[in-house]
Amino acid sequence: MNISELLSPINFFLQCETPETWIHEAIKAENLATLLVDHANCELKAAQTAMLLLRRYAVDQQSSDALLAWLKPYEDFVYRKIGKGDFSQYKSLSKKLISKSDFEHGDELISKMVLLIKEELHHFQQVWEIMQSRGIAYDNLAASRYAKGLMKHVRTHDPVKLSDTLICGAYIEARSCERFATLAPCLDDELNKFYLSLLRSEARHFEDYLALAKQIADEDISDRIQFFGKIESELISTPDTDFKFHSGMPVLSRSI
């Protein structure tokens, strides 16, 4: 499958394209460090979100503890500045996850989310390696308005809370994929190849989230998909003073 075929369902799903003004801001040399640090943050947050869904809905206590242990070295490094960032020494998930008997979609959620976590953590490591090679420090960055702007509209009772959360996950993954594809031709050879290499897994993550949302919901979610799509489009296409990987249209493009 070529890139245009890969992106076709994503572009159909998203209600707007990334604004040209954001692209112009993103490719400025002085914004590269922010772009990469926030990209790394996004990969870790994606893994954390998938882990939270598994712990909340799908697995028993021992499996929950194993998930926490799996992500702990990454969270220690990013949030507590513990360790040197050599993640090659850490093992992957140490045990088979056990599904809760009272959640009928547990096995499906486990299957898709464990693969997603593995891939997101691998992508995190890849971004960190690129940062190291370029002398970019892993500084703390405040979260952008994007994910919070989506998640604040998630309903508070299940099963619709879970289906809404999965829809939000689908939009986040779809937007990530669209931005990788949009940015790649504008960046140097290393980042061009790296971002293009992420497209296939990110596209599958979008599809997995959306398929799970439809499977788990006990109602037609077409209206909810459109509802979150409108919110996502507004977050991307409206003015945003804070440049990040998922930020909206820059209020004022800074000069080089």
C-alpha atoms as a PDB file:
ATOM      1  CA  MET A   1       0.000   0.000   0.000  1.00  0.00           C
ATOM      2  CA  ASN A   2       1.445   3.393  -0.959  1.00  0.00           C
ATOM      3  CA  ILE A   3       1.287   6.524   1.188  1.00  0.00           C
ATOM      4  CA  SER A   4      -1.727   8.056  -0.545  1.00  0.00           C
ATOM      5  CA  GLU A   5      -3.729   4.838  -0.082  1.00  0.00           C
ATOM      6  CA  LEU A   6      -2.635   4.680   3.553  1.00  0.00           C
ATOM      7  CA  LEU A   7      -3.708   8.262   4.206  1.00  0.00           C
ATOM      8  CA  SER A   8      -6.990   8.151   2.297  1.00  0.00           C
ATOM      9  CA  PRO A   9      -9.170   6.876   5.194  1.00  0.00           C
ATOM     10  CA  ILE A  10      -7.394   9.210   7.615  1.00  0.00           C
ATOM     11  CA  ASN A  11      -7.991  12.280   5.462  1.00  0.00           C
ATOM     12  CA  PHE A  12     -11.616  11.209   5.048  1.00  0.00           C
ATOM     13  CA  PHE A  13     -11.972  10.785   8.817  1.00  0.00           C
ATOM     14  CA  LEU A  14     -10.430  14.132   9.781  1.00  0.00           C
ATOM     15  CA  GLN A  15     -12.607  17.186   9.199  1.00  0.00           C
ATOM     16  CA  CYS A  16      -9.766  19.551   8.328  1.00  0.00           C
ATOM     17  CA  GLU A  17      -6.180  19.526   7.127  1.00  0.00           C
ATOM     18  CA  THR A  18      -3.276  20.871   9.137  1.00  0.00           C
ATOM     19  CA  PRO A  19      -3.046  24.628   8.428  1.00  0.00           C
ATOM     20  CA  GLU A  20      -0.130  25.786   6.283  1.00  0.00           C
ATOM     21  CA  THR A  21       0.771  28.312   8.977  1.00  0.00           C
ATOM     22  CA  TRP A  22       1.401  25.469  11.454  1.00  0.00           C
ATOM     23  CA  ILE A  23       3.653  23.690   8.937  1.00  0.00           C
ATOM     24  CA  HIS A  24       5.644  26.875   8.352  1.00  0.00           C
ATOM     25  CA  GLU A  25       6.140  27.209  12.112  1.00  0.00           C
ATOM     26  CA  ALA A  26       6.981  23.541  12.621  1.00  0.00           C
ATOM     27  CA  ILE A  27       9.813  23.457  10.097  1.00  0.00           C
ATOM     28  CA  LYS A  28      11.678  26.427  11.569  1.00  0.00           C
ATOM     29  CA  ALA A  29      15.065  25.422  12.949  1.00  0.00           C
ATOM     30  CA  GLU A  30      14.385  27.079  16.298  1.00  0.00           C
ATOM     31  CA  ASN A  31      11.272  24.944  16.787  1.00  0.00           C
ATOM     32  CA  LEU A  32      12.900  21.567  16.099  1.00  0.00           C
ATOM     33  CA  ALA A  33      13.713  20.876  19.762  1.00  0.00           C
ATOM     34  CA  THR A  34      10.136  21.630  20.846  1.00  0.00           C
ATOM     35  CA  LEU A  35       8.740  19.509  18.026  1.00  0.00           C
ATOM     36  CA  LEU A  36      10.858  16.472  18.930  1.00  0.00           C
ATOM     37  CA  VAL A  37      10.438  16.750  22.706  1.00  0.00           C
ATOM     38  CA  ASP A  38       6.684  17.086  22.346  1.00  0.00           C
ATOM     39  CA  HIS A  39       6.624  14.217  19.845  1.00  0.00           C
ATOM     40  CA  ALA A  40       8.395  12.023  22.402  1.00  0.00           C
ATOM     41  CA  ASN A  41       5.909  13.145  25.052  1.00  0.00           C
ATOM     42  CA  CYS A  42       3.022  12.238  22.753  1.00  0.00           C
ATOM     43  CA  GLU A  43       4.383   8.732  22.204  1.00  0.00           C
ATOM     44  CA  LEU A  44       4.685   8.139  25.940  1.00  0.00           C
ATOM     45  CA  LYS A  45       1.243   9.604  26.629  1.00  0.00           C
ATOM     46  CA  ALA A  46      -0.251   7.338  23.976  1.00  0.00           C
ATOM     47  CA  ALA A  47       1.272   4.321  25.742  1.00  0.00           C
ATOM     48  CA  GLN A  48      -0.007   5.584  29.091  1.00  0.00           C
ATOM     49  CA  THR A  49      -3.514   6.085  27.726  1.00  0.00           C
ATOM     50  CA  ALA A  50      -3.618   2.550  26.374  1.00  0.00           C
ATOM     51  CA  MET A  51      -2.296   1.208  29.664  1.00  0.00           C
ATOM     52  CA  LEU A  52      -4.934   3.149  31.613  1.00  0.00           C
ATOM     53  CA  LEU A  53      -7.706   1.679  29.473  1.00  0.00           C
ATOM     54  CA  LEU A  54      -6.390  -1.832  30.106  1.00  0.00           C
ATOM     55  CA  ARG A  55      -6.072  -1.273  33.853  1.00  0.00           C
ATOM     56  CA  ARG A  56      -9.481   0.370  34.157  1.00  0.00           C
ATOM     57  CA  TYR A  57     -11.501  -2.021  32.042  1.00  0.00           C
ATOM     58  CA  ALA A  58      -9.770  -5.160  30.905  1.00  0.00           C
ATOM     59  CA  VAL A  59      -7.255  -6.813  33.244  1.00  0.00           C
ATOM     60  CA  ASP A  60      -6.944  -8.278  36.735  1.00  0.00           C
ATOM     61  CA  GLN A  61      -4.819  -6.781  39.523  1.00  0.00           C
ATOM     62  CA  GLN A  62      -1.659  -8.765  38.821  1.00  0.00           C
ATOM     63  CA  SER A  63      -1.845  -7.813  35.163  1.00  0.00           C
ATOM     64  CA  SER A  64      -2.395  -4.196  36.178  1.00  0.00           C
ATOM     65  CA  ASP A  65       0.761  -4.284  38.308  1.00  0.00           C
ATOM     66  CA  ALA A  66       2.711  -5.763  35.387  1.00  0.00           C
ATOM     67  CA  LEU A  67       1.576  -2.907  33.141  1.00  0.00           C
ATOM     68  CA  LEU A  68       2.680  -0.334  35.700  1.00  0.00           C
ATOM     69  CA  ALA A  69       6.095  -2.000  35.977  1.00  0.00           C
ATOM     70  CA  TRP A  70       6.449  -2.027  32.185  1.00  0.00           C
ATOM     71  CA  LEU A  71       6.054   1.742  31.880  1.00  0.00           C
ATOM     72  CA  LYS A  72       7.800   2.752  35.102  1.00  0.00           C
ATOM     73  CA  PRO A  73      11.350   3.203  33.670  1.00  0.00           C
ATOM     74  CA  TYR A  74      10.019   5.507  30.964  1.00  0.00           C
ATOM     75  CA  GLU A  75       7.932   7.531  33.394  1.00  0.00           C
ATOM     76  CA  ASP A  76      10.836   7.697  35.867  1.00  0.00           C
ATOM     77  CA  PHE A  77      13.099   9.102  33.171  1.00  0.00           C
ATOM     78  CA  VAL A  78      10.668  11.675  31.763  1.00  0.00           C
ATOM     79  CA  TYR A  79       8.896  12.868  34.911  1.00  0.00           C
ATOM     80  CA  ARG A  80      11.385  12.195  37.705  1.00  0.00           C
ATOM     81  CA  LYS A  81      14.677  12.494  35.796  1.00  0.00           C
ATOM     82  CA  ILE A  82      15.745   9.048  37.014  1.00  0.00           C
ATOM     83  CA  GLY A  83      18.105   7.081  34.771  1.00  0.00           C
ATOM     84  CA  LYS A  84      20.103   7.990  31.690  1.00  0.00           C
ATOM     85  CA  GLY A  85      17.525   7.085  29.085  1.00  0.00           C
ATOM     86  CA  ASP A  86      19.068   3.762  28.049  1.00  0.00           C
ATOM     87  CA  PHE A  87      15.872   1.796  27.544  1.00  0.00           C
ATOM     88  CA  SER A  88      17.522  -1.134  25.766  1.00  0.00           C
ATOM     89  CA  GLN A  89      18.193  -2.687  29.175  1.00  0.00           C
ATOM     90  CA  TYR A  90      14.513  -2.822  30.086  1.00  0.00           C
ATOM     91  CA  LYS A  91      12.340  -5.808  29.324  1.00  0.00           C
ATOM     92  CA  SER A  92       8.974  -5.674  27.661  1.00  0.00           C
ATOM     93  CA  LEU A  93       5.792  -6.884  29.325  1.00  0.00           C
ATOM     94  CA  SER A  94       6.803  -9.597  31.762  1.00  0.00           C
ATOM     95  CA  LYS A  95       3.623 -11.694  31.916  1.00  0.00           C
ATOM     96  CA  LYS A  96       0.548 -12.686  29.989  1.00  0.00           C
ATOM     97  CA  LEU A  97      -2.308 -10.346  30.813  1.00  0.00           C
ATOM     98  CA  ILE A  98      -5.447 -11.921  32.269  1.00  0.00           C
ATOM     99  CA  SER A  99      -8.767 -10.515  31.148  1.00  0.00           C
ATOM    100  CA  LYS A 100     -11.492  -9.682  33.649  1.00  0.00           C
ATOM    101  CA  SER A 101     -14.346 -12.120  33.379  1.00  0.00           C
ATOM    102  CA  ASP A 102     -16.985  -9.366  33.581  1.00  0.00           C
ATOM    103  CA  PHE A 103     -15.764  -7.441  30.530  1.00  0.00           C
ATOM    104  CA  GLU A 104     -16.753  -9.180  27.311  1.00  0.00           C
ATOM    105  CA  HIS A 105     -14.400  -7.164  25.130  1.00  0.00           C
ATOM    106  CA  GLY A 106     -11.376  -7.692  27.367  1.00  0.00           C
ATOM    107  CA  ASP A 107      -9.390  -9.993  25.092  1.00  0.00           C
ATOM    108  CA  GLU A 108      -9.861  -7.706  22.093  1.00  0.00           C
ATOM    109  CA  LEU A 109      -8.868  -4.621  24.076  1.00  0.00           C
ATOM    110  CA  ILE A 110      -5.809  -6.399  25.472  1.00  0.00           C
ATOM    111  CA  SER A 111      -4.688  -7.624  22.062  1.00  0.00           C
ATOM    112  CA  LYS A 112      -4.867  -4.218  20.392  1.00  0.00           C
ATOM    113  CA  MET A 113      -3.656  -2.067  23.298  1.00  0.00           C
ATOM    114  CA  VAL A 114      -0.625  -4.222  24.172  1.00  0.00           C
ATOM    115  CA  LEU A 115       0.599  -3.994  20.573  1.00  0.00           C
ATOM    116  CA  LEU A 116      -0.059  -0.255  20.597  1.00  0.00           C
ATOM    117  CA  ILE A 117       1.924   0.208  23.836  1.00  0.00           C
ATOM    118  CA  LYS A 118       4.868  -1.759  22.429  1.00  0.00           C
ATOM    119  CA  GLU A 119       4.926   0.355  19.293  1.00  0.00           C
ATOM    120  CA  GLU A 120       4.488   3.678  21.069  1.00  0.00           C
ATOM    121  CA  LEU A 121       7.326   2.914  23.489  1.00  0.00           C
ATOM    122  CA  HIS A 122       9.530   1.896  20.576  1.00  0.00           C
ATOM    123  CA  HIS A 123       8.695   5.156  18.813  1.00  0.00           C
ATOM    124  CA  PHE A 124       9.469   7.045  22.036  1.00  0.00           C
ATOM    125  CA  GLN A 125      12.912   5.433  22.136  1.00  0.00           C
ATOM    126  CA  GLN A 126      13.501   6.287  18.488  1.00  0.00           C
ATOM    127  CA  VAL A 127      12.642   9.958  19.033  1.00  0.00           C
ATOM    128  CA  TRP A 128      14.873  10.080  22.105  1.00  0.00           C
ATOM    129  CA  GLU A 129      17.766   8.587  20.135  1.00  0.00           C
ATOM    130  CA  ILE A 130      17.331  11.255  17.451  1.00  0.00           C
ATOM    131  CA  MET A 131      17.248  13.936  20.137  1.00  0.00           C
ATOM    132  CA  GLN A 132      20.457  12.604  21.681  1.00  0.00           C
ATOM    133  CA  SER A 133      22.234  12.513  18.312  1.00  0.00           C
ATOM    134  CA  ARG A 134      21.343  16.181  17.833  1.00  0.00           C
ATOM    135  CA  GLY A 135      22.215  17.312  21.349  1.00  0.00           C
ATOM    136  CA  ILE A 136      18.597  18.083  22.263  1.00  0.00           C
ATOM    137  CA  ALA A 137      17.890  17.811  26.007  1.00  0.00           C
ATOM    138  CA  TYR A 138      14.705  16.234  27.299  1.00  0.00           C
ATOM    139  CA  ASP A 139      13.293  19.366  28.910  1.00  0.00           C
ATOM    140  CA  ASN A 140       9.878  19.466  30.525  1.00  0.00           C
ATOM    141  CA  LEU A 141       7.099  20.835  28.343  1.00  0.00           C
ATOM    142  CA  ALA A 142       3.583  21.683  29.421  1.00  0.00           C
ATOM    143  CA  ALA A 143       0.887  19.695  27.665  1.00  0.00           C
ATOM    144  CA  SER A 144      -0.887  21.386  24.780  1.00  0.00           C
ATOM    145  CA  ARG A 145      -4.602  22.146  24.816  1.00  0.00           C
ATOM    146  CA  TYR A 146      -5.307  19.463  22.206  1.00  0.00           C
ATOM    147  CA  ALA A 147      -5.899  16.179  24.064  1.00  0.00           C
ATOM    148  CA  LYS A 148      -7.485  17.936  27.030  1.00  0.00           C
ATOM    149  CA  GLY A 149      -9.742  19.831  24.643  1.00  0.00           C
ATOM    150  CA  LEU A 150     -11.014  16.542  23.260  1.00  0.00           C
ATOM    151  CA  MET A 151     -11.222  14.592  26.498  1.00  0.00           C
ATOM    152  CA  LYS A 152     -13.236  17.195  28.393  1.00  0.00           C
ATOM    153  CA  HIS A 153     -16.218  16.265  26.205  1.00  0.00           C
ATOM    154  CA  VAL A 154     -16.065  12.556  27.086  1.00  0.00           C
ATOM    155  CA  ARG A 155     -19.202  11.439  28.907  1.00  0.00           C
ATOM    156  CA  THR A 156     -18.758  10.294  32.497  1.00  0.00           C
ATOM    157  CA  HIS A 157     -20.660   7.000  32.579  1.00  0.00           C
ATOM    158  CA  ASP A 158     -19.894   3.682  30.926  1.00  0.00           C
ATOM    159  CA  PRO A 159     -20.099   2.158  28.407  1.00  0.00           C
ATOM    160  CA  VAL A 160     -20.319   5.508  26.584  1.00  0.00           C
ATOM    161  CA  LYS A 161     -17.328   6.873  28.528  1.00  0.00           C
ATOM    162  CA  LEU A 162     -15.155   4.131  27.089  1.00  0.00           C
ATOM    163  CA  SER A 163     -16.476   4.492  23.539  1.00  0.00           C
ATOM    164  CA  ASP A 164     -16.009   8.284  23.681  1.00  0.00           C
ATOM    165  CA  THR A 165     -12.443   7.827  24.941  1.00  0.00           C
ATOM    166  CA  LEU A 166     -11.694   5.417  22.111  1.00  0.00           C
ATOM    167  CA  ILE A 167     -13.096   7.882  19.558  1.00  0.00           C
ATOM    168  CA  CYS A 168     -10.780  10.559  20.971  1.00  0.00           C
ATOM    169  CA  GLY A 169      -7.897   8.110  20.659  1.00  0.00           C
ATOM    170  CA  ALA A 170      -8.786   7.540  17.025  1.00  0.00           C
ATOM    171  CA  TYR A 171      -8.681  11.263  16.280  1.00  0.00           C
ATOM    172  CA  ILE A 172      -5.371  11.760  18.090  1.00  0.00           C
ATOM    173  CA  GLU A 173      -3.745   8.898  16.176  1.00  0.00           C
ATOM    174  CA  ALA A 174      -5.236  10.035  12.861  1.00  0.00           C
ATOM    175  CA  ARG A 175      -3.992  13.591  13.355  1.00  0.00           C
ATOM    176  CA  SER A 176      -0.539  12.315  14.302  1.00  0.00           C
ATOM    177  CA  CYS A 177      -0.414  10.281  11.115  1.00  0.00           C
ATOM    178  CA  GLU A 178      -1.564  13.225   8.996  1.00  0.00           C
ATOM    179  CA  ARG A 179       1.083  15.480  10.516  1.00  0.00           C
ATOM    180  CA  PHE A 180       3.882  12.944  10.061  1.00  0.00           C
ATOM    181  CA  ALA A 181       2.988  12.709   6.383  1.00  0.00           C
ATOM    182  CA  THR A 182       2.661  16.483   6.011  1.00  0.00           C
ATOM    183  CA  LEU A 183       5.938  17.274   7.781  1.00  0.00           C
ATOM    184  CA  ALA A 184       8.125  14.546   6.314  1.00  0.00           C
ATOM    185  CA  PRO A 185       8.857  16.191   2.927  1.00  0.00           C
ATOM    186  CA  CYS A 186       9.748  19.477   4.682  1.00  0.00           C
ATOM    187  CA  LEU A 187      12.389  18.021   7.025  1.00  0.00           C
ATOM    188  CA  ASP A 188      15.926  16.682   6.671  1.00  0.00           C
ATOM    189  CA  ASP A 189      16.553  13.177   5.332  1.00  0.00           C
ATOM    190  CA  GLU A 190      16.737  11.481   8.739  1.00  0.00           C
ATOM    191  CA  LEU A 191      13.456  12.925   9.995  1.00  0.00           C
ATOM    192  CA  ASN A 192      11.810  12.476   6.609  1.00  0.00           C
ATOM    193  CA  LYS A 193      12.539   8.740   6.634  1.00  0.00           C
ATOM    194  CA  PHE A 194      11.647   8.403  10.309  1.00  0.00           C
ATOM    195  CA  TYR A 195       8.278  10.123  10.033  1.00  0.00           C
ATOM    196  CA  LEU A 196       7.354   8.167   6.921  1.00  0.00           C
ATOM    197  CA  SER A 197       8.278   4.954   8.760  1.00  0.00           C
ATOM    198  CA  LEU A 198       5.697   5.762  11.441  1.00  0.00           C
ATOM    199  CA  LEU A 199       2.750   6.104   9.090  1.00  0.00           C
ATOM    200  CA  ARG A 200       1.722   2.463   8.852  1.00  0.00           C
ATOM    201  CA  SER A 201       1.566   1.797  12.609  1.00  0.00           C
ATOM    202  CA  GLU A 202      -0.091   5.139  13.364  1.00  0.00           C
ATOM    203  CA  ALA A 203      -2.715   4.485  10.686  1.00  0.00           C
ATOM    204  CA  ARG A 204      -3.432   1.085  12.221  1.00  0.00           C
ATOM    205  CA  HIS A 205      -3.738   2.644  15.694  1.00  0.00           C
ATOM    206  CA  PHE A 206      -6.433   4.967  14.370  1.00  0.00           C
ATOM    207  CA  GLU A 207      -8.299   2.047  12.831  1.00  0.00           C
ATOM    208  CA  ASP A 208      -7.985  -0.062  15.999  1.00  0.00           C
ATOM    209  CA  TYR A 209      -9.334   2.690  18.234  1.00  0.00           C
ATOM    210  CA  LEU A 210     -12.260   3.357  15.935  1.00  0.00           C
ATOM    211  CA  ALA A 211     -13.098  -0.333  15.517  1.00  0.00           C
ATOM    212  CA  LEU A 212     -13.031  -0.859  19.287  1.00  0.00           C
ATOM    213  CA  ALA A 213     -15.267   2.166  19.851  1.00  0.00           C
ATOM    214  CA  LYS A 214     -17.859   0.792  17.446  1.00  0.00           C
ATOM    215  CA  GLN A 215     -17.609  -2.711  18.908  1.00  0.00           C
ATOM    216  CA  ILE A 216     -17.903  -1.696  22.557  1.00  0.00           C
ATOM    217  CA  ALA A 217     -20.654   0.929  22.230  1.00  0.00           C
ATOM    218  CA  ASP A 218     -24.211  -0.184  22.830  1.00  0.00           C
ATOM    219  CA  GLU A 219     -25.499   2.472  20.446  1.00  0.00           C
ATOM    220  CA  ASP A 220     -24.798   3.910  17.017  1.00  0.00           C
ATOM    221  CA  ILE A 221     -21.816   6.217  17.500  1.00  0.00           C
ATOM    222  CA  SER A 222     -21.861   7.978  14.123  1.00  0.00           C
ATOM    223  CA  ASP A 223     -23.067  11.206  15.720  1.00  0.00           C
ATOM    224  CA  ARG A 224     -20.395  11.005  18.418  1.00  0.00           C
ATOM    225  CA  ILE A 225     -17.694  10.484  15.815  1.00  0.00           C
ATOM    226  CA  GLN A 226     -18.888  13.602  13.984  1.00  0.00           C
ATOM    227  CA  PHE A 227     -19.197  15.492  17.277  1.00  0.00           C
ATOM    228  CA  PHE A 228     -15.592  14.822  18.269  1.00  0.00           C
ATOM    229  CA  GLY A 229     -14.463  15.427  14.704  1.00  0.00           C
ATOM    230  CA  LYS A 230     -15.863  18.946  14.838  1.00  0.00           C
ATOM    231  CA  ILE A 231     -14.120  19.622  18.160  1.00  0.00           C
ATOM    232  CA  GLU A 232     -10.854  18.212  16.849  1.00  0.00           C
ATOM    233  CA  SER A 233     -11.091  20.342  13.723  1.00  0.00           C
ATOM    234  CA  GLU A 234     -11.685  23.477  15.788  1.00  0.00           C
ATOM    235  CA  LEU A 235      -8.660  22.738  17.979  1.00  0.00           C
ATOM    236  CA  ILE A 236      -6.476  22.315  14.892  1.00  0.00           C
ATOM    237  CA  SER A 237      -7.782  25.231  12.832  1.00  0.00           C
ATOM    238  CA  THR A 238      -8.279  27.951  15.468  1.00  0.00           C
ATOM    239  CA  PRO A 239      -5.582  30.274  16.869  1.00  0.00           C
ATOM    240  CA  ASP A 240      -3.222  28.741  19.418  1.00  0.00           C
ATOM    241  CA  THR A 241      -0.505  30.638  21.276  1.00  0.00           C
ATOM    242  CA  ASP A 242       1.417  27.500  22.264  1.00  0.00           C
ATOM    243  CA  PHE A 243       3.353  25.683  19.518  1.00  0.00           C
ATOM    244  CA  LYS A 244       3.302  21.907  19.996  1.00  0.00           C
ATOM    245  CA  PHE A 245       3.015  18.784  17.827  1.00  0.00           C
ATOM    246  CA  HIS A 246      -0.807  18.893  18.018  1.00  0.00           C
ATOM    247  CA  SER A 247      -1.262  22.635  18.408  1.00  0.00           C
ATOM    248  CA  GLY A 248      -3.615  24.752  16.360  1.00  0.00           C
ATOM    249  CA  MET A 249      -2.956  27.634  14.021  1.00  0.00           C
ATOM    250  CA  PRO A 250      -0.106  29.836  15.284  1.00  0.00           C
ATOM    251  CA  VAL A 251      -1.348  33.230  16.383  1.00  0.00           C
ATOM    252  CA  LEU A 252       1.684  34.977  14.969  1.00  0.00           C
ATOM    253  CA  SER A 253       4.425  33.245  12.989  1.00  0.00           C
ATOM    254  CA  ARG A 254       7.771  34.192  14.482  1.00  0.00           C
ATOM    255  CA  SER A 255      10.552  35.336  12.199  1.00  0.00           C
ATOM    256  CA  ILE A 256      13.807  33.347  11.909  1.00  0.00           C
END
